[in-house]
Amino acid sequence: FNSLRTSAAQLQGITQTASAMVVNLEQMSEKLSDKDNAVGTLTNDKEVADEIRQVITNLNEASLKLDENMEALQHNFLLRGFFKKKRKAEEKAQKEQQQEEQLQ
């Protein structure tokens, strides 16, 4: 008889926990549907989603152009020496780091 009481009490606790979870899920669902917050706007407003896609596209294009410009600058006769010294310094630092790792 005691085990039946214990089981009933545990079942009641599980039911209360499940009810609380359902309430939380309902609240989250309402927030996702509401356009007054960032997540709701992102999930429900097609114009905002399109604008974000365009921003990402623009960022990708700008990044590619920046890479091209940096490559061109490295071959410019005025800046070639700077990039050559920088590359040598990086190689030297990398060799020193490898030597330290080998000693450990």
PDB file of N, CA and C in Angstrom:
ATOM      1  N   PHE A   1       0.822  -1.196   0.000  1.00  0.00           N
ATOM      2  CA  PHE A   1       0.000   0.000   0.000  1.00  0.00           C
ATOM      3  C   PHE A   1       0.866   1.260   0.000  1.00  0.00           C
ATOM      4  N   ASN A   2       2.019   1.193   0.716  1.00  0.00           N
ATOM      5  CA  ASN A   2       2.943   2.335   0.740  1.00  0.00           C
ATOM      6  C   ASN A   2       3.526   2.606  -0.642  1.00  0.00           C
ATOM      7  N   SER A   3       3.847   1.551  -1.359  1.00  0.00           N
ATOM      8  CA  SER A   3       4.427   1.739  -2.690  1.00  0.00           C
ATOM      9  C   SER A   3       3.407   2.370  -3.641  1.00  0.00           C
ATOM     10  N   LEU A   4       2.133   2.077  -3.426  1.00  0.00           N
ATOM     11  CA  LEU A   4       1.090   2.684  -4.243  1.00  0.00           C
ATOM     12  C   LEU A   4       0.995   4.180  -3.961  1.00  0.00           C
ATOM     13  N   ARG A   5       1.108   4.557  -2.694  1.00  0.00           N
ATOM     14  CA  ARG A   5       1.101   5.979  -2.330  1.00  0.00           C
ATOM     15  C   ARG A   5       2.315   6.688  -2.920  1.00  0.00           C
ATOM     16  N   THR A   6       3.469   6.045  -2.810  1.00  0.00           N
ATOM     17  CA  THR A   6       4.697   6.630  -3.341  1.00  0.00           C
ATOM     18  C   THR A   6       4.586   6.811  -4.854  1.00  0.00           C
ATOM     19  N   SER A   7       4.080   5.811  -5.528  1.00  0.00           N
ATOM     20  CA  SER A   7       3.914   5.901  -6.980  1.00  0.00           C
ATOM     21  C   SER A   7       2.940   7.007  -7.354  1.00  0.00           C
ATOM     22  N   ALA A   8       1.866   7.141  -6.600  1.00  0.00           N
ATOM     23  CA  ALA A   8       0.880   8.191  -6.873  1.00  0.00           C
ATOM     24  C   ALA A   8       1.504   9.570  -6.666  1.00  0.00           C
ATOM     25  N   ALA A   9       2.309   9.712  -5.623  1.00  0.00           N
ATOM     26  CA  ALA A   9       2.972  10.992  -5.360  1.00  0.00           C
ATOM     27  C   ALA A   9       3.965  11.316  -6.470  1.00  0.00           C
ATOM     28  N   GLN A  10       4.710  10.310  -6.911  1.00  0.00           N
ATOM     29  CA  GLN A  10       5.665  10.527  -8.003  1.00  0.00           C
ATOM     30  C   GLN A  10       4.943  10.897  -9.298  1.00  0.00           C
ATOM     31  N   LEU A  11       3.832  10.234  -9.546  1.00  0.00           N
ATOM     32  CA  LEU A  11       3.047  10.520 -10.742  1.00  0.00           C
ATOM     33  C   LEU A  11       2.497  11.946 -10.703  1.00  0.00           C
ATOM     34  N   GLN A  12       2.086  12.379  -9.529  1.00  0.00           N
ATOM     35  CA  GLN A  12       1.588  13.746  -9.382  1.00  0.00           C
ATOM     36  C   GLN A  12       2.716  14.747  -9.643  1.00  0.00           C
ATOM     37  N   GLY A  13       3.905  14.466  -9.147  1.00  0.00           N
ATOM     38  CA  GLY A  13       5.049  15.346  -9.385  1.00  0.00           C
ATOM     39  C   GLY A  13       5.403  15.417 -10.866  1.00  0.00           C
ATOM     40  N   ILE A  14       5.373  14.278 -11.528  1.00  0.00           N
ATOM     41  CA  ILE A  14       5.666  14.238 -12.962  1.00  0.00           C
ATOM     42  C   ILE A  14       4.625  15.040 -13.736  1.00  0.00           C
ATOM     43  N   THR A  15       3.366  14.919 -13.336  1.00  0.00           N
ATOM     44  CA  THR A  15       2.292  15.663 -13.999  1.00  0.00           C
ATOM     45  C   THR A  15       2.486  17.163 -13.832  1.00  0.00           C
ATOM     46  N   GLN A  16       2.868  17.598 -12.649  1.00  0.00           N
ATOM     47  CA  GLN A  16       3.103  19.027 -12.413  1.00  0.00           C
ATOM     48  C   GLN A  16       4.281  19.530 -13.248  1.00  0.00           C
ATOM     49  N   THR A  17       5.331  18.742 -13.318  1.00  0.00           N
ATOM     50  CA  THR A  17       6.495  19.126 -14.120  1.00  0.00           C
ATOM     51  C   THR A  17       6.123  19.223 -15.595  1.00  0.00           C
ATOM     52  N   ALA A  18       5.360  18.266 -16.081  1.00  0.00           N
ATOM     53  CA  ALA A  18       4.933  18.282 -17.478  1.00  0.00           C
ATOM     54  C   ALA A  18       4.056  19.498 -17.761  1.00  0.00           C
ATOM     55  N   SER A  19       3.180  19.840 -16.830  1.00  0.00           N
ATOM     56  CA  SER A  19       2.323  21.021 -17.006  1.00  0.00           C
ATOM     57  C   SER A  19       3.155  22.289 -17.071  1.00  0.00           C
ATOM     58  N   ALA A  20       4.156  22.392 -16.228  1.00  0.00           N
ATOM     59  CA  ALA A  20       5.029  23.570 -16.238  1.00  0.00           C
ATOM     60  C   ALA A  20       5.791  23.653 -17.560  1.00  0.00           C
ATOM     61  N   MET A  21       6.230  22.516 -18.077  1.00  0.00           N
ATOM     62  CA  MET A  21       6.940  22.508 -19.359  1.00  0.00           C
ATOM     63  C   MET A  21       6.028  22.961 -20.494  1.00  0.00           C
ATOM     64  N   VAL A  22       4.776  22.527 -20.465  1.00  0.00           N
ATOM     65  CA  VAL A  22       3.828  22.933 -21.502  1.00  0.00           C
ATOM     66  C   VAL A  22       3.603  24.438 -21.454  1.00  0.00           C
ATOM     67  N   VAL A  23       3.477  24.993 -20.262  1.00  0.00           N
ATOM     68  CA  VAL A  23       3.301  26.445 -20.121  1.00  0.00           C
ATOM     69  C   VAL A  23       4.518  27.173 -20.682  1.00  0.00           C
ATOM     70  N   ASN A  24       5.717  26.702 -20.356  1.00  0.00           N
ATOM     71  CA  ASN A  24       6.939  27.328 -20.878  1.00  0.00           C
ATOM     72  C   ASN A  24       7.002  27.245 -22.400  1.00  0.00           C
ATOM     73  N   LEU A  25       6.641  26.112 -22.954  1.00  0.00           N
ATOM     74  CA  LEU A  25       6.642  25.957 -24.411  1.00  0.00           C
ATOM     75  C   LEU A  25       5.636  26.894 -25.072  1.00  0.00           C
ATOM     76  N   GLU A  26       4.477  27.056 -24.446  1.00  0.00           N
ATOM     77  CA  GLU A  26       3.476  27.981 -24.990  1.00  0.00           C
ATOM     78  C   GLU A  26       4.000  29.413 -24.977  1.00  0.00           C
ATOM     79  N   GLN A  27       4.662  29.796 -23.886  1.00  0.00           N
ATOM     80  CA  GLN A  27       5.216  31.149 -23.796  1.00  0.00           C
ATOM     81  C   GLN A  27       6.295  31.362 -24.859  1.00  0.00           C
ATOM     82  N   MET A  28       7.152  30.376 -25.045  1.00  0.00           N
ATOM     83  CA  MET A  28       8.200  30.489 -26.061  1.00  0.00           C
ATOM     84  C   MET A  28       7.596  30.584 -27.454  1.00  0.00           C
ATOM     85  N   SER A  29       6.572  29.803 -27.706  1.00  0.00           N
ATOM     86  CA  SER A  29       5.909  29.825 -29.006  1.00  0.00           C
ATOM     87  C   SER A  29       5.289  31.193 -29.275  1.00  0.00           C
ATOM     88  N   GLU A  30       4.685  31.787 -28.255  1.00  0.00           N
ATOM     89  CA  GLU A  30       4.105  33.122 -28.408  1.00  0.00           C
ATOM     90  C   GLU A  30       5.187  34.150 -28.726  1.00  0.00           C
ATOM     91  N   LYS A  31       6.334  34.043 -28.065  1.00  0.00           N
ATOM     92  CA  LYS A  31       7.427  34.985 -28.323  1.00  0.00           C
ATOM     93  C   LYS A  31       7.964  34.829 -29.741  1.00  0.00           C
ATOM     94  N   LEU A  32       8.031  33.597 -30.230  1.00  0.00           N
ATOM     95  CA  LEU A  32       8.516  33.375 -31.592  1.00  0.00           C
ATOM     96  C   LEU A  32       7.545  33.928 -32.633  1.00  0.00           C
ATOM     97  N   SER A  33       6.274  33.959 -32.295  1.00  0.00           N
ATOM     98  CA  SER A  33       5.273  34.477 -33.227  1.00  0.00           C
ATOM     99  C   SER A  33       5.165  35.990 -33.176  1.00  0.00           C
ATOM    100  N   ASP A  34       5.645  36.600 -32.114  1.00  0.00           N
ATOM    101  CA  ASP A  34       5.527  38.043 -31.914  1.00  0.00           C
ATOM    102  C   ASP A  34       6.613  38.770 -32.694  1.00  0.00           C
ATOM    103  N   LYS A  35       6.237  39.777 -33.473  1.00  0.00           N
ATOM    104  CA  LYS A  35       7.208  40.528 -34.274  1.00  0.00           C
ATOM    105  C   LYS A  35       7.872  41.648 -33.478  1.00  0.00           C
ATOM    106  N   ASP A  36       7.558  41.760 -32.197  1.00  0.00           N
ATOM    107  CA  ASP A  36       8.133  42.830 -31.376  1.00  0.00           C
ATOM    108  C   ASP A  36       9.485  42.466 -30.781  1.00  0.00           C
ATOM    109  N   ASN A  37      10.008  41.295 -31.090  1.00  0.00           N
ATOM    110  CA  ASN A  37      11.336  40.927 -30.599  1.00  0.00           C
ATOM    111  C   ASN A  37      12.182  40.461 -31.779  1.00  0.00           C
ATOM    112  N   ALA A  38      13.476  40.379 -31.564  1.00  0.00           N
ATOM    113  CA  ALA A  38      14.406  40.082 -32.660  1.00  0.00           C
ATOM    114  C   ALA A  38      14.142  38.719 -33.292  1.00  0.00           C
ATOM    115  N   VAL A  39      13.967  37.704 -32.487  1.00  0.00           N
ATOM    116  CA  VAL A  39      13.764  36.356 -33.028  1.00  0.00           C
ATOM    117  C   VAL A  39      12.447  36.277 -33.786  1.00  0.00           C
ATOM    118  N   GLY A  40      11.405  36.868 -33.226  1.00  0.00           N
ATOM    119  CA  GLY A  40      10.117  36.871 -33.908  1.00  0.00           C
ATOM    120  C   GLY A  40      10.182  37.599 -35.233  1.00  0.00           C
ATOM    121  N   THR A  41      10.885  38.711 -35.250  1.00  0.00           N
ATOM    122  CA  THR A  41      11.035  39.468 -36.492  1.00  0.00           C
ATOM    123  C   THR A  41      11.791  38.652 -37.528  1.00  0.00           C
ATOM    124  N   LEU A  42      12.862  37.998 -37.106  1.00  0.00           N
ATOM    125  CA  LEU A  42      13.659  37.194 -38.039  1.00  0.00           C
ATOM    126  C   LEU A  42      12.875  36.016 -38.599  1.00  0.00           C
ATOM    127  N   THR A  43      12.036  35.419 -37.780  1.00  0.00           N
ATOM    128  CA  THR A  43      11.321  34.227 -38.235  1.00  0.00           C
ATOM    129  C   THR A  43      10.028  34.546 -38.971  1.00  0.00           C
ATOM    130  N   ASN A  44       9.468  35.742 -38.766  1.00  0.00           N
ATOM    131  CA  ASN A  44       8.158  36.037 -39.336  1.00  0.00           C
ATOM    132  C   ASN A  44       8.135  37.131 -40.390  1.00  0.00           C
ATOM    133  N   ASP A  45       9.147  37.963 -40.463  1.00  0.00           N
ATOM    134  CA  ASP A  45       9.130  39.098 -41.384  1.00  0.00           C
ATOM    135  C   ASP A  45      10.022  38.797 -42.586  1.00  0.00           C
ATOM    136  N   LYS A  46       9.405  38.543 -43.726  1.00  0.00           N
ATOM    137  CA  LYS A  46      10.147  38.175 -44.932  1.00  0.00           C
ATOM    138  C   LYS A  46      11.059  39.305 -45.390  1.00  0.00           C
ATOM    139  N   GLU A  47      10.619  40.549 -45.249  1.00  0.00           N
ATOM    140  CA  GLU A  47      11.436  41.685 -45.684  1.00  0.00           C
ATOM    141  C   GLU A  47      12.734  41.765 -44.887  1.00  0.00           C
ATOM    142  N   VAL A  48      12.641  41.568 -43.583  1.00  0.00           N
ATOM    143  CA  VAL A  48      13.843  41.606 -42.742  1.00  0.00           C
ATOM    144  C   VAL A  48      14.772  40.458 -43.114  1.00  0.00           C
ATOM    145  N   ALA A  49      14.215  39.285 -43.329  1.00  0.00           N
ATOM    146  CA  ALA A  49      15.039  38.136 -43.718  1.00  0.00           C
ATOM    147  C   ALA A  49      15.744  38.407 -45.046  1.00  0.00           C
ATOM    148  N   ASP A  50      15.026  39.009 -46.001  1.00  0.00           N
ATOM    149  CA  ASP A  50      15.643  39.339 -47.294  1.00  0.00           C
ATOM    150  C   ASP A  50      16.752  40.375 -47.128  1.00  0.00           C
ATOM    151  N   GLU A  51      16.517  41.361 -46.266  1.00  0.00           N
ATOM    152  CA  GLU A  51      17.541  42.380 -46.024  1.00  0.00           C
ATOM    153  C   GLU A  51      18.787  41.768 -45.394  1.00  0.00           C
ATOM    154  N   ILE A  52      18.594  40.848 -44.469  1.00  0.00           N
ATOM    155  CA  ILE A  52      19.737  40.192 -43.821  1.00  0.00           C
ATOM    156  C   ILE A  52      20.508  39.363 -44.846  1.00  0.00           C
ATOM    157  N   ARG A  53      19.793  38.679 -45.728  1.00  0.00           N
ATOM    158  CA  ARG A  53      20.473  37.924 -46.788  1.00  0.00           C
ATOM    159  C   ARG A  53      21.291  38.859 -47.670  1.00  0.00           C
ATOM    160  N   GLN A  54      20.725  40.023 -47.994  1.00  0.00           N
ATOM    161  CA  GLN A  54      21.430  40.981 -48.841  1.00  0.00           C
ATOM    162  C   GLN A  54      22.673  41.519 -48.129  1.00  0.00           C
ATOM    163  N   VAL A  55      22.549  41.781 -46.831  1.00  0.00           N
ATOM    164  CA  VAL A  55      23.701  42.258 -46.058  1.00  0.00           C
ATOM    165  C   VAL A  55      24.813  41.212 -46.076  1.00  0.00           C
ATOM    166  N   ILE A  56      24.456  39.956 -45.891  1.00  0.00           N
ATOM    167  CA  ILE A  56      25.456  38.889 -45.896  1.00  0.00           C
ATOM    168  C   ILE A  56      26.102  38.767 -47.271  1.00  0.00           C
ATOM    169  N   THR A  57      25.295  38.878 -48.324  1.00  0.00           N
ATOM    170  CA  THR A  57      25.840  38.839 -49.685  1.00  0.00           C
ATOM    171  C   THR A  57      26.818  39.983 -49.895  1.00  0.00           C
ATOM    172  N   ASN A  58      26.427  41.186 -49.461  1.00  0.00           N
ATOM    173  CA  ASN A  58      27.304  42.352 -49.600  1.00  0.00           C
ATOM    174  C   ASN A  58      28.603  42.170 -48.821  1.00  0.00           C
ATOM    175  N   LEU A  59      28.514  41.608 -47.623  1.00  0.00           N
ATOM    176  CA  LEU A  59      29.718  41.370 -46.819  1.00  0.00           C
ATOM    177  C   LEU A  59      30.648  40.374 -47.509  1.00  0.00           C
ATOM    178  N   ASN A  60      30.076  39.324 -48.076  1.00  0.00           N
ATOM    179  CA  ASN A  60      30.899  38.342 -48.790  1.00  0.00           C
ATOM    180  C   ASN A  60      31.590  38.972 -49.988  1.00  0.00           C
ATOM    181  N   GLU A  61      30.857  39.785 -50.749  1.00  0.00           N
ATOM    182  CA  GLU A  61      31.451  40.448 -51.912  1.00  0.00           C
ATOM    183  C   GLU A  61      32.551  41.421 -51.485  1.00  0.00           C
ATOM    184  N   ALA A  62      32.296  42.175 -50.410  1.00  0.00           N
ATOM    185  CA  ALA A  62      33.297  43.125 -49.922  1.00  0.00           C
ATOM    186  C   ALA A  62      34.551  42.397 -49.447  1.00  0.00           C
ATOM    187  N   SER A  63      34.363  41.258 -48.807  1.00  0.00           N
ATOM    188  CA  SER A  63      35.502  40.472 -48.337  1.00  0.00           C
ATOM    189  C   SER A  63      36.347  39.979 -49.509  1.00  0.00           C
ATOM    190  N   LEU A  64      35.689  39.521 -50.567  1.00  0.00           N
ATOM    191  CA  LEU A  64      36.426  39.066 -51.752  1.00  0.00           C
ATOM    192  C   LEU A  64      37.200  40.217 -52.391  1.00  0.00           C
ATOM    193  N   LYS A  65      36.573  41.375 -52.480  1.00  0.00           N
ATOM    194  CA  LYS A  65      37.247  42.538 -53.065  1.00  0.00           C
ATOM    195  C   LYS A  65      38.428  42.968 -52.203  1.00  0.00           C
ATOM    196  N   LEU A  66      38.267  42.891 -50.888  1.00  0.00           N
ATOM    197  CA  LEU A  66      39.362  43.239 -49.988  1.00  0.00           C
ATOM    198  C   LEU A  66      40.528  42.274 -50.173  1.00  0.00           C
ATOM    199  N   ASP A  67      40.227  40.989 -50.312  1.00  0.00           N
ATOM    200  CA  ASP A  67      41.283  40.002 -50.568  1.00  0.00           C
ATOM    201  C   ASP A  67      42.026  40.315 -51.859  1.00  0.00           C
ATOM    202  N   GLU A  68      41.276  40.676 -52.899  1.00  0.00           N
ATOM    203  CA  GLU A  68      41.903  41.019 -54.178  1.00  0.00           C
ATOM    204  C   GLU A  68      42.791  42.256 -54.034  1.00  0.00           C
ATOM    205  N   ASN A  69      42.293  43.256 -53.305  1.00  0.00           N
ATOM    206  CA  ASN A  69      43.080  44.478 -53.103  1.00  0.00           C
ATOM    207  C   ASN A  69      44.348  44.201 -52.298  1.00  0.00           C
ATOM    208  N   MET A  70      44.240  43.350 -51.281  1.00  0.00           N
ATOM    209  CA  MET A  70      45.420  43.015 -50.480  1.00  0.00           C
ATOM    210  C   MET A  70      46.450  42.271 -51.326  1.00  0.00           C
ATOM    211  N   GLU A  71      45.980  41.388 -52.179  1.00  0.00           N
ATOM    212  CA  GLU A  71      46.890  40.665 -53.071  1.00  0.00           C
ATOM    213  C   GLU A  71      47.593  41.642 -54.012  1.00  0.00           C
ATOM    214  N   ALA A  72      46.840  42.590 -54.548  1.00  0.00           N
ATOM    215  CA  ALA A  72      47.435  43.583 -55.450  1.00  0.00           C
ATOM    216  C   ALA A  72      48.444  44.451 -54.706  1.00  0.00           C
ATOM    217  N   LEU A  73      48.131  44.824 -53.477  1.00  0.00           N
ATOM    218  CA  LEU A  73      49.058  45.648 -52.692  1.00  0.00           C
ATOM    219  C   LEU A  73      50.365  44.915 -52.421  1.00  0.00           C
ATOM    220  N   GLN A  74      50.294  43.616 -52.228  1.00  0.00           N
ATOM    221  CA  GLN A  74      51.507  42.852 -51.956  1.00  0.00           C
ATOM    222  C   GLN A  74      52.450  42.840 -53.154  1.00  0.00           C
ATOM    223  N   HIS A  75      51.922  43.066 -54.332  1.00  0.00           N
ATOM    224  CA  HIS A  75      52.751  43.070 -55.540  1.00  0.00           C
ATOM    225  C   HIS A  75      53.104  44.483 -55.998  1.00  0.00           C
ATOM    226  N   ASN A  76      52.589  45.474 -55.311  1.00  0.00           N
ATOM    227  CA  ASN A  76      52.896  46.865 -55.651  1.00  0.00           C
ATOM    228  C   ASN A  76      54.348  47.150 -55.290  1.00  0.00           C
ATOM    229  N   PHE A  77      55.089  47.794 -56.181  1.00  0.00           N
ATOM    230  CA  PHE A  77      56.520  47.994 -55.944  1.00  0.00           C
ATOM    231  C   PHE A  77      56.791  48.868 -54.721  1.00  0.00           C
ATOM    232  N   LEU A  78      55.872  49.731 -54.340  1.00  0.00           N
ATOM    233  CA  LEU A  78      56.083  50.573 -53.162  1.00  0.00           C
ATOM    234  C   LEU A  78      55.934  49.786 -51.857  1.00  0.00           C
ATOM    235  N   LEU A  79      55.086  48.763 -51.857  1.00  0.00           N
ATOM    236  CA  LEU A  79      54.804  48.018 -50.628  1.00  0.00           C
ATOM    237  C   LEU A  79      55.396  46.614 -50.613  1.00  0.00           C
ATOM    238  N   ARG A  80      55.997  46.196 -51.707  1.00  0.00           N
ATOM    239  CA  ARG A  80      56.529  44.839 -51.817  1.00  0.00           C
ATOM    240  C   ARG A  80      57.529  44.534 -50.702  1.00  0.00           C
ATOM    241  N   GLY A  81      58.418  45.474 -50.395  1.00  0.00           N
ATOM    242  CA  GLY A  81      59.425  45.269 -49.354  1.00  0.00           C
ATOM    243  C   GLY A  81      58.800  45.068 -47.986  1.00  0.00           C
ATOM    244  N   PHE A  82      57.775  45.840 -47.686  1.00  0.00           N
ATOM    245  CA  PHE A  82      57.095  45.705 -46.397  1.00  0.00           C
ATOM    246  C   PHE A  82      56.535  44.296 -46.222  1.00  0.00           C
ATOM    247  N   PHE A  83      55.823  43.809 -47.242  1.00  0.00           N
ATOM    248  CA  PHE A  83      55.211  42.489 -47.137  1.00  0.00           C
ATOM    249  C   PHE A  83      56.259  41.382 -47.113  1.00  0.00           C
ATOM    250  N   LYS A  84      57.387  41.603 -47.796  1.00  0.00           N
ATOM    251  CA  LYS A  84      58.462  40.612 -47.795  1.00  0.00           C
ATOM    252  C   LYS A  84      59.067  40.504 -46.391  1.00  0.00           C
ATOM    253  N   LYS A  85      59.318  41.658 -45.753  1.00  0.00           N
ATOM    254  CA  LYS A  85      59.852  41.652 -44.383  1.00  0.00           C
ATOM    255  C   LYS A  85      58.860  41.007 -43.421  1.00  0.00           C
ATOM    256  N   LYS A  86      57.601  41.324 -43.597  1.00  0.00           N
ATOM    257  CA  LYS A  86      56.569  40.761 -42.721  1.00  0.00           C
ATOM    258  C   LYS A  86      56.522  39.243 -42.863  1.00  0.00           C
ATOM    259  N   ARG A  87      56.575  38.749 -44.088  1.00  0.00           N
ATOM    260  CA  ARG A  87      56.538  37.312 -44.341  1.00  0.00           C
ATOM    261  C   ARG A  87      57.750  36.622 -43.717  1.00  0.00           C
ATOM    262  N   LYS A  88      58.942  37.239 -43.844  1.00  0.00           N
ATOM    263  CA  LYS A  88      60.153  36.657 -43.249  1.00  0.00           C
ATOM    264  C   LYS A  88      60.050  36.619 -41.731  1.00  0.00           C
ATOM    265  N   ALA A  89      59.510  37.685 -41.137  1.00  0.00           N
ATOM    266  CA  ALA A  89      59.351  37.721 -39.681  1.00  0.00           C
ATOM    267  C   ALA A  89      58.384  36.632 -39.222  1.00  0.00           C
ATOM    268  N   GLU A  90      57.311  36.415 -39.966  1.00  0.00           N
ATOM    269  CA  GLU A  90      56.353  35.366 -39.616  1.00  0.00           C
ATOM    270  C   GLU A  90      56.988  33.985 -39.732  1.00  0.00           C
ATOM    271  N   GLU A  91      57.771  33.773 -40.775  1.00  0.00           N
ATOM    272  CA  GLU A  91      58.455  32.487 -40.949  1.00  0.00           C
ATOM    273  C   GLU A  91      59.445  32.244 -39.817  1.00  0.00           C
ATOM    274  N   LYS A  92      60.169  33.297 -39.421  1.00  0.00           N
ATOM    275  CA  LYS A  92      61.136  33.173 -38.329  1.00  0.00           C
ATOM    276  C   LYS A  92      60.420  32.828 -37.027  1.00  0.00           C
ATOM    277  N   ALA A  93      59.320  33.505 -36.752  1.00  0.00           N
ATOM    278  CA  ALA A  93      58.563  33.233 -35.532  1.00  0.00           C
ATOM    279  C   ALA A  93      58.021  31.812 -35.537  1.00  0.00           C
ATOM    280  N   GLN A  94      57.586  31.345 -36.691  1.00  0.00           N
ATOM    281  CA  GLN A  94      57.068  29.990 -36.799  1.00  0.00           C
ATOM    282  C   GLN A  94      58.174  28.958 -36.562  1.00  0.00           C
ATOM    283  N   LYS A  95      59.360  29.197 -37.106  1.00  0.00           N
ATOM    284  CA  LYS A  95      60.485  28.284 -36.880  1.00  0.00           C
ATOM    285  C   LYS A  95      60.865  28.236 -35.408  1.00  0.00           C
ATOM    286  N   GLU A  96      60.895  29.407 -34.767  1.00  0.00           N
ATOM    287  CA  GLU A  96      61.232  29.455 -33.342  1.00  0.00           C
ATOM    288  C   GLU A  96      60.200  28.702 -32.517  1.00  0.00           C
ATOM    289  N   GLN A  97      58.943  28.835 -32.878  1.00  0.00           N
ATOM    290  CA  GLN A  97      57.893  28.134 -32.149  1.00  0.00           C
ATOM    291  C   GLN A  97      58.030  26.624 -32.329  1.00  0.00           C
ATOM    292  N   GLN A  98      58.360  26.186 -33.530  1.00  0.00           N
ATOM    293  CA  GLN A  98      58.551  24.761 -33.781  1.00  0.00           C
ATOM    294  C   GLN A  98      59.737  24.224 -32.989  1.00  0.00           C
ATOM    295  N   GLN A  99      60.804  25.012 -32.890  1.00  0.00           N
ATOM    296  CA  GLN A  99      61.971  24.587 -32.125  1.00  0.00           C
ATOM    297  C   GLN A  99      61.627  24.478 -30.648  1.00  0.00           C
ATOM    298  N   GLU A 100      60.852  25.420 -30.128  1.00  0.00           N
ATOM    299  CA  GLU A 100      60.441  25.362 -28.725  1.00  0.00           C
ATOM    300  C   GLU A 100      59.585  24.133 -28.464  1.00  0.00           C
ATOM    301  N   GLU A 101      58.693  23.816 -29.399  1.00  0.00           N
ATOM    302  CA  GLU A 101      57.833  22.647 -29.241  1.00  0.00           C
ATOM    303  C   GLU A 101      58.646  21.360 -29.265  1.00  0.00           C
ATOM    304  N   GLN A 102      59.705  21.329 -30.066  1.00  0.00           N
ATOM    305  CA  GLN A 102      60.546  20.139 -30.135  1.00  0.00           C
ATOM    306  C   GLN A 102      61.337  19.954 -28.846  1.00  0.00           C
ATOM    307  N   LEU A 103      61.714  21.056 -28.197  1.00  0.00           N
ATOM    308  CA  LEU A 103      62.474  20.971 -26.956  1.00  0.00           C
ATOM    309  C   LEU A 103      61.608  20.498 -25.794  1.00  0.00           C
ATOM    310  N   GLN A 104      60.341  20.705 -25.884  1.00  0.00           N
ATOM    311  CA  GLN A 104      59.453  20.332 -24.772  1.00  0.00           C
ATOM    312  C   GLN A 104      59.067  18.932 -24.850  1.00  0.00           C
TER     313      GLN A 104
END
